[in-house]
Protein backbone atom coordinates (compact mmCIF):
# COMPACT_ATOMS: atom_id res chain seq x y z
CA MET A 1 140.31 108.69 55.70
CA PRO A 2 140.94 109.61 59.32
CA PHE A 3 139.61 107.16 61.90
CA GLY A 4 136.00 107.90 62.85
CA THR A 5 135.09 109.80 59.66
CA ASN A 6 131.52 109.15 58.53
CA SER A 7 131.85 107.91 54.96
CA SER A 8 128.16 107.20 54.41
CA ASN A 9 127.49 110.53 52.65
CA LEU A 10 130.62 110.83 50.52
CA GLU A 11 130.22 111.75 46.88
CA PRO A 12 133.22 111.83 44.56
CA THR A 13 134.00 114.78 42.33
CA ILE A 14 135.01 113.51 38.90
CA VAL A 15 136.76 115.76 36.40
CA HIS A 16 137.79 114.38 33.01
CA ASN A 17 138.61 115.45 29.49
CA GLY A 18 137.53 112.25 27.79
CA MET A 19 134.23 111.08 26.35
CA SER A 20 132.61 109.71 29.50
CA VAL A 21 132.83 108.34 33.03
CA ALA A 22 130.31 105.69 34.04
CA GLN A 23 129.82 104.12 37.42
CA THR A 24 129.51 100.40 36.81
CA SER A 25 129.00 99.13 40.38
CA GLY A 26 128.23 100.34 43.88
CA ASP A 27 126.00 103.12 45.20
CA LEU A 28 127.29 106.60 44.47
CA ASN A 29 124.74 108.20 46.82
CA ASN A 30 126.15 106.20 49.73
CA PHE A 31 129.83 105.68 49.01
CA PRO A 32 130.29 102.68 51.31
CA PHE A 33 133.22 102.14 53.66
CA ASN A 34 135.51 99.34 52.51
CA THR A 35 133.26 98.38 49.57
CA PRO A 36 134.68 98.82 46.05
CA VAL A 37 132.95 101.13 43.59
CA ILE A 38 133.93 100.63 39.96
CA PHE A 39 134.12 103.37 37.34
CA THR A 40 134.73 102.95 33.62
CA VAL A 41 136.41 105.88 31.90
CA THR A 42 136.30 106.29 28.14
CA SER A 43 138.97 108.54 26.66
CA ALA A 44 138.45 110.94 23.78
CA ASP A 45 139.89 108.34 21.39
CA GLY A 46 137.50 105.62 22.63
CA ILE A 47 139.86 103.64 24.88
CA THR A 48 138.19 102.42 28.07
CA THR A 49 139.87 101.92 31.44
CA THR A 50 138.27 100.58 34.60
CA TYR A 51 139.12 102.04 38.01
CA THR A 52 138.17 100.54 41.36
CA VAL A 53 137.79 102.99 44.26
CA THR A 54 137.64 101.80 47.87
CA VAL A 55 137.26 104.10 50.88
CA LYS A 56 139.32 102.89 53.84
CA HIS A 57 139.75 104.37 57.28
CA GLN A 58 143.07 104.78 59.02
CA SER A 59 143.63 102.73 62.15
CA ASN A 60 142.62 104.17 65.49
CA SER A 61 145.80 105.70 66.90
CA ALA A 62 144.34 106.28 70.36
CA ALA A 63 146.14 104.53 73.20
CA GLN A 64 144.36 101.47 74.52
CA ILE A 65 144.58 99.98 78.01
CA THR A 66 145.58 96.37 77.53
CA GLN A 67 146.21 95.45 81.17
CA PHE A 68 145.39 96.92 84.55
CA ASP A 69 146.77 95.56 87.86
């Protein structure tokens, strides 16, 4: 995400063709910055796969004054 973006109110949109998607950790109502949220996806044939999603911000690209004489 771009530097400075408020990620406290993010909610993912999940589209799938399987049996189910279940959030197994984290707070989906407050998708936290730099904190993993784990989802378990069950396919139509019953195979489960776990996905870990982490929101990260890009570095601040603004110039910084490091010395002034």
